[in-house]
Amino acid sequence: MKRIRQFIRTTIIGGLVVILPLTIFLLALKWLFGFVTSAIKPLTDLVVTNTPLPGLVADLIVIAVIVGACFLVGLFVRTKLGRILYEKTESSLLVKAPGYKLIKETVNQFVGRKQSPFSSVALVRMFENDTKATAFITDKHEDGSFTVFIPTGPNPTTGQIFHLDAEYVHPVEVSIEDAMRSIISCGAGSEVLVKAFKKKAADSRL
């Protein structure tokens, strides 16, 4: 009887492991599509009013037009004239608008044109002693010092920012996924970071 209960429980858990991520992914896609269609609704209504097309087709047409417009604008700013006009407009007008710089940096990071702050893993001695913490290097300065973000587990989106001399920052060749996994699990799986740190220390002594 105990084996039957265990079999049923593990089978249900196995099903949840397969179904739950897929369900969450589909719900996220549904939310994203709903968000986009809600944002472009005025344009979609214009298409529906002036054509016999159904709403879904109108949404797809408007999205295609917006993507095409982005392509044409991107093509224009790649030219010398377009680049000059854009830079002058941005420097004289757009940067003065509240929040524009922050929004631009966020968009550039989102589309991959700016290096993510979570792109380099390190073990840091934030108290300048042998105590080490998992961190992400977010900036490197002209004097060789670093700014690092030290997340708190199990939520890696919260943490503290430290400014440290280079001697207290030890970059390690560990993937972002492995570092994030160890943070979310409150340190479980940190062996890969420690091994990478010890290997680098041993190599530097050779």
N, C-alpha and C. Protein backbone atom coordinates (compact mmCIF):
# COMPACT_ATOMS: atom_id res chain seq x y z
N MET A 1 0.84 -1.21 0.00
CA MET A 1 0.00 0.00 0.00
C MET A 1 0.87 1.26 0.00
N LYS A 2 1.96 1.21 0.78
CA LYS A 2 2.85 2.36 0.87
C LYS A 2 3.50 2.62 -0.48
N ARG A 3 3.88 1.53 -1.18
CA ARG A 3 4.48 1.68 -2.50
C ARG A 3 3.51 2.28 -3.50
N ILE A 4 2.25 1.91 -3.39
CA ILE A 4 1.23 2.45 -4.30
C ILE A 4 1.06 3.94 -4.07
N ARG A 5 0.99 4.35 -2.79
CA ARG A 5 0.85 5.77 -2.48
C ARG A 5 2.06 6.55 -2.98
N GLN A 6 3.25 5.98 -2.78
CA GLN A 6 4.47 6.65 -3.23
C GLN A 6 4.50 6.76 -4.76
N PHE A 7 4.04 5.67 -5.43
CA PHE A 7 3.99 5.69 -6.90
C PHE A 7 3.03 6.77 -7.40
N ILE A 8 1.86 6.86 -6.78
CA ILE A 8 0.86 7.86 -7.19
C ILE A 8 1.40 9.27 -6.96
N ARG A 9 2.03 9.48 -5.78
CA ARG A 9 2.56 10.80 -5.45
C ARG A 9 3.66 11.23 -6.42
N THR A 10 4.63 10.33 -6.66
CA THR A 10 5.74 10.69 -7.55
C THR A 10 5.26 10.88 -8.98
N THR A 11 4.24 10.12 -9.39
CA THR A 11 3.70 10.27 -10.75
C THR A 11 3.01 11.62 -10.90
N ILE A 12 2.24 12.02 -9.90
CA ILE A 12 1.56 13.31 -9.94
C ILE A 12 2.58 14.45 -9.96
N ILE A 13 3.61 14.34 -9.11
CA ILE A 13 4.65 15.37 -9.07
C ILE A 13 5.36 15.44 -10.42
N GLY A 14 5.64 14.26 -11.03
CA GLY A 14 6.26 14.24 -12.36
C GLY A 14 5.39 14.93 -13.40
N GLY A 15 4.09 14.72 -13.30
CA GLY A 15 3.17 15.39 -14.22
C GLY A 15 3.17 16.89 -14.03
N LEU A 16 3.19 17.32 -12.75
CA LEU A 16 3.23 18.75 -12.46
C LEU A 16 4.51 19.40 -13.00
N VAL A 17 5.64 18.70 -12.88
CA VAL A 17 6.90 19.23 -13.37
C VAL A 17 6.84 19.49 -14.87
N VAL A 18 6.08 18.66 -15.59
CA VAL A 18 5.94 18.83 -17.03
C VAL A 18 4.88 19.88 -17.37
N ILE A 19 3.72 19.78 -16.72
CA ILE A 19 2.58 20.61 -17.09
C ILE A 19 2.69 22.03 -16.57
N LEU A 20 3.15 22.20 -15.33
CA LEU A 20 3.14 23.52 -14.71
C LEU A 20 4.01 24.54 -15.45
N PRO A 21 5.28 24.22 -15.78
CA PRO A 21 6.08 25.20 -16.54
C PRO A 21 5.45 25.55 -17.89
N LEU A 22 4.88 24.53 -18.57
CA LEU A 22 4.25 24.78 -19.87
C LEU A 22 3.04 25.69 -19.71
N THR A 23 2.25 25.44 -18.66
CA THR A 23 1.07 26.28 -18.40
C THR A 23 1.46 27.71 -18.11
N ILE A 24 2.48 27.89 -17.25
CA ILE A 24 2.94 29.24 -16.92
C ILE A 24 3.47 29.95 -18.16
N PHE A 25 4.20 29.20 -19.02
CA PHE A 25 4.73 29.78 -20.25
C PHE A 25 3.61 30.24 -21.17
N LEU A 26 2.57 29.40 -21.33
CA LEU A 26 1.45 29.76 -22.19
C LEU A 26 0.68 30.95 -21.63
N LEU A 27 0.52 31.00 -20.31
CA LEU A 27 -0.16 32.13 -19.69
C LEU A 27 0.64 33.42 -19.88
N ALA A 28 1.99 33.30 -19.80
CA ALA A 28 2.84 34.47 -20.03
C ALA A 28 2.71 34.96 -21.47
N LEU A 29 2.66 34.02 -22.42
CA LEU A 29 2.47 34.40 -23.82
C LEU A 29 1.11 35.07 -24.03
N LYS A 30 0.09 34.51 -23.37
CA LYS A 30 -1.25 35.09 -23.48
C LYS A 30 -1.27 36.51 -22.92
N TRP A 31 -0.60 36.70 -21.76
CA TRP A 31 -0.55 38.04 -21.17
C TRP A 31 0.19 39.01 -22.08
N LEU A 32 1.31 38.54 -22.65
CA LEU A 32 2.10 39.42 -23.52
C LEU A 32 1.31 39.81 -24.76
N PHE A 33 0.63 38.84 -25.36
CA PHE A 33 -0.17 39.14 -26.55
C PHE A 33 -1.31 40.10 -26.20
N GLY A 34 -1.93 39.87 -25.04
CA GLY A 34 -3.00 40.77 -24.60
C GLY A 34 -2.49 42.17 -24.35
N PHE A 35 -1.28 42.28 -23.76
CA PHE A 35 -0.68 43.59 -23.50
C PHE A 35 -0.41 44.32 -24.82
N VAL A 36 0.15 43.60 -25.80
CA VAL A 36 0.48 44.21 -27.09
C VAL A 36 -0.78 44.64 -27.82
N THR A 37 -1.78 43.75 -27.87
CA THR A 37 -3.02 44.08 -28.59
C THR A 37 -3.77 45.23 -27.91
N SER A 38 -3.65 45.30 -26.58
CA SER A 38 -4.28 46.42 -25.87
C SER A 38 -3.59 47.74 -26.21
N ALA A 39 -2.27 47.69 -26.34
CA ALA A 39 -1.51 48.91 -26.65
C ALA A 39 -1.79 49.41 -28.06
N ILE A 40 -2.01 48.48 -29.00
CA ILE A 40 -2.23 48.87 -30.40
C ILE A 40 -3.71 48.93 -30.77
N LYS A 41 -4.59 48.84 -29.77
CA LYS A 41 -6.04 48.79 -30.05
C LYS A 41 -6.54 49.96 -30.89
N PRO A 42 -6.10 51.20 -30.64
CA PRO A 42 -6.59 52.29 -31.50
C PRO A 42 -6.27 52.07 -32.98
N LEU A 43 -5.09 51.56 -33.27
CA LEU A 43 -4.73 51.28 -34.67
C LEU A 43 -5.52 50.10 -35.22
N THR A 44 -5.72 49.08 -34.37
CA THR A 44 -6.50 47.92 -34.80
C THR A 44 -7.94 48.32 -35.10
N ASP A 45 -8.52 49.15 -34.25
CA ASP A 45 -9.89 49.63 -34.48
C ASP A 45 -9.99 50.39 -35.79
N LEU A 46 -8.95 51.14 -36.12
CA LEU A 46 -8.93 51.88 -37.37
C LEU A 46 -8.94 50.94 -38.57
N VAL A 47 -8.16 49.85 -38.47
CA VAL A 47 -8.13 48.87 -39.55
C VAL A 47 -9.47 48.14 -39.67
N VAL A 48 -10.03 47.74 -38.53
CA VAL A 48 -11.30 47.01 -38.53
C VAL A 48 -12.43 47.89 -39.09
N THR A 49 -12.40 49.17 -38.76
CA THR A 49 -13.45 50.09 -39.21
C THR A 49 -13.41 50.29 -40.73
N ASN A 50 -12.23 50.32 -41.29
CA ASN A 50 -12.09 50.64 -42.71
C ASN A 50 -11.89 49.42 -43.61
N THR A 51 -11.84 48.24 -43.03
CA THR A 51 -11.69 47.02 -43.83
C THR A 51 -12.61 45.94 -43.27
N PRO A 52 -12.87 44.89 -44.06
CA PRO A 52 -13.71 43.79 -43.57
C PRO A 52 -12.93 42.75 -42.78
N LEU A 53 -11.70 43.06 -42.40
CA LEU A 53 -10.84 42.09 -41.71
C LEU A 53 -11.29 41.88 -40.27
N PRO A 54 -11.18 40.63 -39.77
CA PRO A 54 -11.51 40.37 -38.35
C PRO A 54 -10.44 40.95 -37.43
N GLY A 55 -10.75 41.02 -36.15
CA GLY A 55 -9.86 41.67 -35.19
C GLY A 55 -8.48 41.05 -35.10
N LEU A 56 -8.40 39.70 -35.09
CA LEU A 56 -7.10 39.04 -34.95
C LEU A 56 -6.19 39.35 -36.13
N VAL A 57 -6.76 39.31 -37.34
CA VAL A 57 -5.98 39.62 -38.55
C VAL A 57 -5.54 41.08 -38.51
N ALA A 58 -6.41 41.96 -38.05
CA ALA A 58 -6.06 43.38 -37.94
C ALA A 58 -4.91 43.58 -36.95
N ASP A 59 -4.95 42.84 -35.82
CA ASP A 59 -3.85 42.91 -34.85
C ASP A 59 -2.53 42.52 -35.49
N LEU A 60 -2.54 41.41 -36.23
CA LEU A 60 -1.32 40.91 -36.87
C LEU A 60 -0.80 41.90 -37.92
N ILE A 61 -1.72 42.51 -38.65
CA ILE A 61 -1.31 43.49 -39.67
C ILE A 61 -0.66 44.70 -39.00
N VAL A 62 -1.28 45.20 -37.93
CA VAL A 62 -0.73 46.37 -37.23
C VAL A 62 0.64 46.04 -36.65
N ILE A 63 0.79 44.85 -36.05
CA ILE A 63 2.09 44.44 -35.51
C ILE A 63 3.14 44.38 -36.63
N ALA A 64 2.74 43.82 -37.79
CA ALA A 64 3.67 43.74 -38.92
C ALA A 64 4.07 45.13 -39.40
N VAL A 65 3.12 46.06 -39.42
CA VAL A 65 3.42 47.43 -39.84
C VAL A 65 4.38 48.10 -38.86
N ILE A 66 4.16 47.88 -37.56
CA ILE A 66 5.05 48.47 -36.55
C ILE A 66 6.46 47.90 -36.68
N VAL A 67 6.57 46.58 -36.88
CA VAL A 67 7.88 45.96 -37.07
C VAL A 67 8.56 46.52 -38.33
N GLY A 68 7.77 46.68 -39.41
CA GLY A 68 8.31 47.26 -40.64
C GLY A 68 8.79 48.69 -40.44
N ALA A 69 8.02 49.46 -39.65
CA ALA A 69 8.42 50.84 -39.37
C ALA A 69 9.72 50.88 -38.58
N CYS A 70 9.85 49.96 -37.59
CA CYS A 70 11.09 49.89 -36.81
C CYS A 70 12.28 49.57 -37.72
N PHE A 71 12.06 48.67 -38.69
CA PHE A 71 13.12 48.32 -39.63
C PHE A 71 13.53 49.52 -40.46
N LEU A 72 12.54 50.28 -40.97
CA LEU A 72 12.85 51.44 -41.81
C LEU A 72 13.57 52.53 -41.02
N VAL A 73 13.11 52.76 -39.77
CA VAL A 73 13.78 53.76 -38.93
C VAL A 73 15.21 53.32 -38.62
N GLY A 74 15.37 52.03 -38.29
CA GLY A 74 16.70 51.51 -38.02
C GLY A 74 17.60 51.61 -39.23
N LEU A 75 17.04 51.38 -40.42
CA LEU A 75 17.80 51.51 -41.67
C LEU A 75 18.22 52.95 -41.90
N PHE A 76 17.32 53.89 -41.57
CA PHE A 76 17.61 55.30 -41.78
C PHE A 76 18.73 55.79 -40.85
N VAL A 77 18.67 55.39 -39.56
CA VAL A 77 19.67 55.88 -38.61
C VAL A 77 21.04 55.22 -38.83
N ARG A 78 21.09 54.19 -39.68
CA ARG A 78 22.37 53.60 -40.03
C ARG A 78 23.11 54.44 -41.09
N THR A 79 22.37 55.31 -41.75
CA THR A 79 22.99 56.20 -42.73
C THR A 79 23.64 57.37 -42.00
N LYS A 80 24.55 58.04 -42.67
CA LYS A 80 25.25 59.17 -42.05
C LYS A 80 24.29 60.28 -41.69
N LEU A 81 23.38 60.61 -42.63
CA LEU A 81 22.40 61.68 -42.39
C LEU A 81 21.47 61.32 -41.23
N GLY A 82 20.98 60.08 -41.23
CA GLY A 82 20.07 59.64 -40.17
C GLY A 82 20.73 59.65 -38.81
N ARG A 83 21.98 59.22 -38.75
CA ARG A 83 22.71 59.21 -37.48
C ARG A 83 22.91 60.62 -36.94
N ILE A 84 23.26 61.55 -37.85
CA ILE A 84 23.47 62.95 -37.43
C ILE A 84 22.17 63.55 -36.91
N LEU A 85 21.08 63.34 -37.63
CA LEU A 85 19.78 63.89 -37.22
C LEU A 85 19.34 63.31 -35.88
N TYR A 86 19.54 62.00 -35.72
CA TYR A 86 19.13 61.36 -34.47
C TYR A 86 19.96 61.87 -33.30
N GLU A 87 21.29 61.95 -33.48
CA GLU A 87 22.16 62.40 -32.39
C GLU A 87 21.87 63.84 -32.01
N LYS A 88 21.61 64.69 -32.98
CA LYS A 88 21.30 66.10 -32.68
C LYS A 88 19.96 66.22 -31.97
N THR A 89 18.97 65.45 -32.43
CA THR A 89 17.65 65.49 -31.80
C THR A 89 17.72 64.98 -30.37
N GLU A 90 18.48 63.91 -30.16
CA GLU A 90 18.58 63.33 -28.83
C GLU A 90 19.32 64.26 -27.87
N SER A 91 20.45 64.82 -28.33
CA SER A 91 21.26 65.65 -27.44
C SER A 91 20.61 66.99 -27.11
N SER A 92 19.83 67.52 -28.05
CA SER A 92 19.24 68.85 -27.84
C SER A 92 17.83 68.80 -27.26
N LEU A 93 17.16 67.66 -27.39
CA LEU A 93 15.76 67.62 -26.97
C LEU A 93 15.43 66.43 -26.07
N LEU A 94 15.69 65.21 -26.56
CA LEU A 94 15.23 64.01 -25.87
C LEU A 94 15.86 63.82 -24.49
N VAL A 95 17.20 64.07 -24.38
CA VAL A 95 17.86 63.84 -23.09
C VAL A 95 17.36 64.78 -22.00
N LYS A 96 16.70 65.86 -22.41
CA LYS A 96 16.16 66.80 -21.43
C LYS A 96 14.82 66.34 -20.87
N ALA A 97 14.21 65.36 -21.55
CA ALA A 97 12.91 64.84 -21.09
C ALA A 97 13.12 63.96 -19.87
N PRO A 98 12.35 64.16 -18.79
CA PRO A 98 12.52 63.36 -17.56
C PRO A 98 12.33 61.86 -17.83
N GLY A 99 13.28 61.07 -17.42
CA GLY A 99 13.17 59.63 -17.53
C GLY A 99 13.61 59.04 -18.86
N TYR A 100 13.93 59.89 -19.84
CA TYR A 100 14.29 59.37 -21.16
C TYR A 100 15.55 58.52 -21.11
N LYS A 101 16.58 59.00 -20.41
CA LYS A 101 17.85 58.27 -20.35
C LYS A 101 17.68 56.91 -19.70
N LEU A 102 16.90 56.86 -18.62
CA LEU A 102 16.66 55.59 -17.93
C LEU A 102 15.93 54.61 -18.84
N ILE A 103 14.90 55.13 -19.54
CA ILE A 103 14.13 54.27 -20.44
C ILE A 103 15.01 53.75 -21.57
N LYS A 104 15.87 54.62 -22.12
CA LYS A 104 16.74 54.20 -23.21
C LYS A 104 17.72 53.12 -22.76
N GLU A 105 18.31 53.29 -21.58
CA GLU A 105 19.25 52.30 -21.06
C GLU A 105 18.56 50.96 -20.81
N THR A 106 17.32 51.03 -20.31
CA THR A 106 16.56 49.80 -20.06
C THR A 106 16.26 49.07 -21.36
N VAL A 107 15.83 49.83 -22.38
CA VAL A 107 15.52 49.23 -23.68
C VAL A 107 16.78 48.64 -24.31
N ASN A 108 17.89 49.36 -24.26
CA ASN A 108 19.15 48.86 -24.83
C ASN A 108 19.58 47.57 -24.16
N GLN A 109 19.39 47.50 -22.85
CA GLN A 109 19.74 46.29 -22.13
C GLN A 109 18.81 45.15 -22.50
N PHE A 110 17.53 45.47 -22.68
CA PHE A 110 16.53 44.45 -23.00
C PHE A 110 16.79 43.83 -24.37
N VAL A 111 17.16 44.65 -25.36
CA VAL A 111 17.39 44.15 -26.71
C VAL A 111 18.81 43.68 -26.93
N GLY A 112 19.64 43.73 -25.87
CA GLY A 112 20.98 43.20 -25.97
C GLY A 112 22.03 44.15 -26.48
N ARG A 113 21.73 45.46 -26.56
CA ARG A 113 22.71 46.42 -27.04
C ARG A 113 23.57 46.98 -25.92
N LYS A 114 23.23 46.62 -24.71
CA LYS A 114 24.02 47.03 -23.56
C LYS A 114 24.27 45.81 -22.69
N GLN A 115 25.48 45.72 -22.18
CA GLN A 115 25.84 44.57 -21.36
C GLN A 115 24.99 44.51 -20.10
N SER A 116 24.46 43.31 -19.85
CA SER A 116 23.63 43.13 -18.67
C SER A 116 24.47 43.25 -17.41
N PRO A 117 23.91 43.86 -16.35
CA PRO A 117 24.65 43.93 -15.09
C PRO A 117 24.91 42.54 -14.50
N PHE A 118 24.10 41.56 -14.89
CA PHE A 118 24.29 40.19 -14.44
C PHE A 118 25.02 39.40 -15.52
N SER A 119 26.21 39.84 -15.87
CA SER A 119 26.95 39.20 -16.96
C SER A 119 28.30 38.66 -16.52
N SER A 120 28.74 39.00 -15.31
CA SER A 120 30.04 38.55 -14.83
C SER A 120 29.94 38.18 -13.36
N VAL A 121 30.26 36.93 -13.07
CA VAL A 121 30.15 36.42 -11.70
C VAL A 121 31.49 36.57 -10.98
N ALA A 122 31.45 36.86 -9.71
CA ALA A 122 32.68 36.98 -8.92
C ALA A 122 32.41 36.57 -7.48
N LEU A 123 33.48 36.16 -6.82
CA LEU A 123 33.46 36.02 -5.36
C LEU A 123 34.20 37.24 -4.82
N VAL A 124 33.57 37.96 -3.91
CA VAL A 124 34.16 39.21 -3.43
C VAL A 124 34.34 39.17 -1.92
N ARG A 125 35.40 39.84 -1.47
CA ARG A 125 35.67 39.97 -0.03
C ARG A 125 35.19 41.36 0.38
N MET A 126 33.89 41.45 0.62
CA MET A 126 33.27 42.76 0.84
C MET A 126 33.74 43.42 2.14
N PHE A 127 34.22 42.63 3.08
CA PHE A 127 34.71 43.20 4.35
C PHE A 127 36.23 43.22 4.40
N GLU A 128 36.85 42.99 3.23
CA GLU A 128 38.30 43.04 3.09
C GLU A 128 38.99 42.02 4.00
N ASN A 129 38.32 40.89 4.25
CA ASN A 129 38.93 39.79 4.99
C ASN A 129 38.67 38.51 4.20
N ASP A 130 38.73 37.37 4.85
CA ASP A 130 38.57 36.10 4.13
C ASP A 130 37.11 35.73 3.86
N THR A 131 36.17 36.53 4.36
CA THR A 131 34.76 36.27 4.10
C THR A 131 34.46 36.61 2.64
N LYS A 132 33.88 35.65 1.92
CA LYS A 132 33.59 35.85 0.50
C LYS A 132 32.09 35.75 0.24
N ALA A 133 31.63 36.51 -0.75
CA ALA A 133 30.21 36.50 -1.11
C ALA A 133 30.07 36.38 -2.61
N THR A 134 28.99 35.73 -3.04
CA THR A 134 28.68 35.65 -4.47
C THR A 134 28.18 37.01 -4.94
N ALA A 135 28.75 37.49 -6.04
CA ALA A 135 28.39 38.83 -6.52
C ALA A 135 28.40 38.86 -8.04
N PHE A 136 27.81 39.93 -8.56
CA PHE A 136 27.86 40.22 -9.99
C PHE A 136 28.57 41.55 -10.19
N ILE A 137 29.56 41.55 -11.07
CA ILE A 137 30.27 42.80 -11.37
C ILE A 137 29.37 43.66 -12.26
N THR A 138 29.05 44.84 -11.80
CA THR A 138 28.17 45.72 -12.57
C THR A 138 28.89 46.88 -13.23
N ASP A 139 30.12 47.18 -12.76
CA ASP A 139 30.88 48.26 -13.39
C ASP A 139 32.35 48.14 -13.01
N LYS A 140 33.21 48.55 -13.96
CA LYS A 140 34.65 48.59 -13.69
C LYS A 140 35.12 50.01 -13.95
N HIS A 141 35.92 50.55 -13.03
CA HIS A 141 36.30 51.96 -13.09
C HIS A 141 37.74 52.14 -13.59
N GLU A 142 38.07 53.38 -13.93
CA GLU A 142 39.37 53.69 -14.52
C GLU A 142 40.53 53.33 -13.60
N ASP A 143 40.32 53.41 -12.29
CA ASP A 143 41.40 53.10 -11.35
C ASP A 143 41.53 51.60 -11.07
N GLY A 144 40.73 50.78 -11.78
CA GLY A 144 40.79 49.34 -11.61
C GLY A 144 39.84 48.78 -10.58
N SER A 145 39.18 49.64 -9.82
CA SER A 145 38.22 49.17 -8.82
C SER A 145 36.92 48.74 -9.49
N PHE A 146 36.07 48.08 -8.71
CA PHE A 146 34.83 47.52 -9.23
C PHE A 146 33.62 47.98 -8.41
N THR A 147 32.49 48.03 -9.08
CA THR A 147 31.20 48.12 -8.39
C THR A 147 30.52 46.77 -8.57
N VAL A 148 30.07 46.19 -7.47
CA VAL A 148 29.45 44.87 -7.54
C VAL A 148 28.08 44.90 -6.86
N PHE A 149 27.24 44.00 -7.32
CA PHE A 149 25.93 43.81 -6.71
C PHE A 149 25.93 42.45 -6.03
N ILE A 150 25.67 42.45 -4.74
CA ILE A 150 25.64 41.21 -3.96
C ILE A 150 24.17 40.89 -3.64
N PRO A 151 23.60 39.91 -4.34
CA PRO A 151 22.18 39.60 -4.13
C PRO A 151 21.95 38.82 -2.84
N THR A 152 20.74 38.85 -2.36
CA THR A 152 20.35 38.08 -1.18
C THR A 152 19.51 36.89 -1.62
N GLY A 153 19.73 35.75 -0.98
CA GLY A 153 18.94 34.57 -1.30
C GLY A 153 17.70 34.50 -0.42
N PRO A 154 16.61 33.94 -0.92
CA PRO A 154 16.50 33.29 -2.23
C PRO A 154 16.03 34.24 -3.34
N ASN A 155 15.97 35.53 -3.09
CA ASN A 155 15.50 36.49 -4.10
C ASN A 155 16.68 37.29 -4.64
N PRO A 156 17.18 36.95 -5.83
CA PRO A 156 18.37 37.61 -6.37
C PRO A 156 18.14 39.03 -6.87
N THR A 157 16.88 39.50 -6.85
CA THR A 157 16.62 40.86 -7.32
C THR A 157 16.81 41.90 -6.22
N THR A 158 17.03 41.44 -4.99
CA THR A 158 17.33 42.36 -3.90
C THR A 158 18.74 42.09 -3.40
N GLY A 159 19.38 43.12 -2.89
CA GLY A 159 20.74 42.95 -2.40
C GLY A 159 21.38 44.28 -2.07
N GLN A 160 22.71 44.30 -2.08
CA GLN A 160 23.45 45.52 -1.76
C GLN A 160 24.51 45.79 -2.81
N ILE A 161 24.87 47.07 -2.95
CA ILE A 161 25.88 47.50 -3.90
C ILE A 161 27.14 47.87 -3.13
N PHE A 162 28.28 47.32 -3.55
CA PHE A 162 29.56 47.61 -2.92
C PHE A 162 30.54 48.15 -3.97
N HIS A 163 31.42 49.04 -3.54
CA HIS A 163 32.49 49.57 -4.39
C HIS A 163 33.80 49.08 -3.78
N LEU A 164 34.50 48.20 -4.51
CA LEU A 164 35.66 47.52 -3.93
C LEU A 164 36.90 47.66 -4.82
N ASP A 165 38.05 47.68 -4.17
CA ASP A 165 39.31 47.64 -4.91
C ASP A 165 39.45 46.29 -5.59
N ALA A 166 40.24 46.27 -6.67
CA ALA A 166 40.37 45.07 -7.49
C ALA A 166 40.86 43.86 -6.69
N GLU A 167 41.69 44.08 -5.68
CA GLU A 167 42.25 42.96 -4.92
C GLU A 167 41.19 42.19 -4.13
N TYR A 168 40.02 42.80 -3.94
CA TYR A 168 38.96 42.14 -3.18
C TYR A 168 37.89 41.53 -4.08
N VAL A 169 38.07 41.64 -5.40
CA VAL A 169 37.08 41.12 -6.36
C VAL A 169 37.74 40.02 -7.18
N HIS A 170 37.15 38.83 -7.16
CA HIS A 170 37.74 37.67 -7.83
C HIS A 170 36.74 37.10 -8.83
N PRO A 171 36.81 37.56 -10.10
CA PRO A 171 35.91 37.00 -11.13
C PRO A 171 36.15 35.50 -11.29
N VAL A 172 35.08 34.76 -11.49
CA VAL A 172 35.17 33.31 -11.67
C VAL A 172 34.43 32.92 -12.94
N GLU A 173 34.94 31.88 -13.59
CA GLU A 173 34.33 31.41 -14.83
C GLU A 173 33.18 30.46 -14.51
N VAL A 174 32.08 31.07 -14.11
CA VAL A 174 30.87 30.35 -13.76
C VAL A 174 29.70 30.99 -14.51
N SER A 175 28.80 30.19 -15.02
CA SER A 175 27.67 30.73 -15.77
C SER A 175 26.72 31.50 -14.86
N ILE A 176 26.00 32.45 -15.45
CA ILE A 176 25.00 33.21 -14.70
C ILE A 176 23.94 32.28 -14.13
N GLU A 177 23.59 31.26 -14.91
CA GLU A 177 22.55 30.33 -14.46
C GLU A 177 22.97 29.59 -13.19
N ASP A 178 24.25 29.13 -13.16
CA ASP A 178 24.73 28.42 -11.98
C ASP A 178 24.77 29.34 -10.75
N ALA A 179 25.20 30.58 -10.98
CA ALA A 179 25.26 31.53 -9.87
C ALA A 179 23.86 31.85 -9.35
N MET A 180 22.93 32.09 -10.27
CA MET A 180 21.55 32.38 -9.89
C MET A 180 20.92 31.20 -9.15
N ARG A 181 21.23 30.00 -9.64
CA ARG A 181 20.66 28.81 -9.02
C ARG A 181 21.12 28.67 -7.57
N SER A 182 22.38 28.97 -7.32
CA SER A 182 22.90 28.86 -5.96
C SER A 182 22.30 29.92 -5.05
N ILE A 183 22.02 31.10 -5.61
CA ILE A 183 21.42 32.18 -4.82
C ILE A 183 19.98 31.84 -4.46
N ILE A 184 19.23 31.38 -5.47
CA ILE A 184 17.81 31.05 -5.25
C ILE A 184 17.67 29.91 -4.25
N SER A 185 18.64 28.98 -4.26
CA SER A 185 18.58 27.84 -3.34
C SER A 185 19.33 28.12 -2.05
N CYS A 186 19.58 29.40 -1.77
CA CYS A 186 20.23 29.82 -0.51
C CYS A 186 21.60 29.18 -0.30
N GLY A 187 22.37 29.07 -1.36
CA GLY A 187 23.74 28.57 -1.25
C GLY A 187 23.96 27.15 -1.72
N ALA A 188 22.89 26.37 -1.85
CA ALA A 188 23.05 25.00 -2.33
C ALA A 188 23.55 25.04 -3.78
N GLY A 189 24.57 24.27 -4.06
CA GLY A 189 25.14 24.27 -5.41
C GLY A 189 26.27 25.27 -5.58
N SER A 190 26.73 25.87 -4.48
CA SER A 190 27.81 26.86 -4.57
C SER A 190 29.17 26.23 -4.80
N GLU A 191 29.21 24.91 -4.79
CA GLU A 191 30.49 24.22 -4.95
C GLU A 191 31.17 24.60 -6.26
N VAL A 192 30.35 24.84 -7.32
CA VAL A 192 30.92 25.18 -8.61
C VAL A 192 31.65 26.52 -8.55
N LEU A 193 31.14 27.47 -7.75
CA LEU A 193 31.80 28.77 -7.60
C LEU A 193 33.10 28.63 -6.82
N VAL A 194 33.05 27.86 -5.74
CA VAL A 194 34.24 27.68 -4.90
C VAL A 194 35.33 26.97 -5.69
N LYS A 195 34.96 25.94 -6.46
CA LYS A 195 35.95 25.22 -7.27
C LYS A 195 36.60 26.14 -8.30
N ALA A 196 35.76 26.98 -8.95
CA ALA A 196 36.28 27.90 -9.95
C ALA A 196 37.24 28.91 -9.32
N PHE A 197 36.91 29.36 -8.11
CA PHE A 197 37.76 30.31 -7.40
C PHE A 197 39.10 29.66 -7.03
N LYS A 198 39.06 28.44 -6.50
CA LYS A 198 40.29 27.75 -6.10
C LYS A 198 41.15 27.41 -7.31
N LYS A 199 40.50 27.05 -8.42
CA LYS A 199 41.26 26.73 -9.63
C LYS A 199 41.98 27.97 -10.14
N LYS A 200 41.28 29.11 -10.15
CA LYS A 200 41.91 30.34 -10.61
C LYS A 200 43.06 30.75 -9.69
N ALA A 201 42.87 30.58 -8.39
CA ALA A 201 43.93 30.91 -7.42
C ALA A 201 45.15 30.01 -7.62
N ALA A 202 44.90 28.72 -7.90
CA ALA A 202 46.00 27.79 -8.12
C ALA A 202 46.75 28.11 -9.41
N ASP A 203 46.00 28.45 -10.45
CA ASP A 203 46.62 28.81 -11.74
C ASP A 203 47.47 30.06 -11.62
N SER A 204 47.02 31.02 -10.80
CA SER A 204 47.76 32.27 -10.67
C SER A 204 49.10 32.08 -9.94
N ARG A 205 49.19 30.99 -9.16
CA ARG A 205 50.43 30.73 -8.41
C ARG A 205 51.49 30.02 -9.26
N LEU A 206 51.01 29.47 -10.42
CA LEU A 206 51.95 28.75 -11.29
C LEU A 206 52.88 29.71 -12.04
